[in-house]
Structures are given as C-alpha cells and as structure tokens.
C-alpha cells in the first residue's frame, strides 16, 4: 500500500486520467473529490463489497437452479 500525505485542495493522480482531490478535512473525516472518465466505476468499499456478495449469491442461486433443471431433463 502506498501512503501519501495531502492537504486540503491538494490532489493525487492515478495514471493520467484519475485524480483524487482532498476537498476538506473535518476531525476524522476526509472528503474526497474523484475526477475520472465515465467508463471508470467508482464505489465506496462497503458498496463494492455488497455488490460482490450479491453477485456471488446470484451465482449460487443460478447454479442450484441449473442443477434442478438438469435433473428434470434426465
């Protein structure tokens, strides 16, 4: 993990198309602005993890459904 220090209104570039800008620091909360191309999906980590879990659950349901359907066709 790369650890960088930044102050308000400073930014960090990721590649040449993604910029993370420090908008404010209030206590233990930091507000970030993210400038990225529209084709780059940006999620908070808890939202991303929830999406991944839902996708895994959907695969499990689909797998069991396929097994039931294949048993009926035998």
Foldseek 3Di string as FASTA:
>chain_A
DDDDDDDAQDWDDDPPFWIWHFPDDDPPDTDIDIGGDPVDDDDDVVVVVVVVVVVVVVVVVVVVVVVVVVVVVD
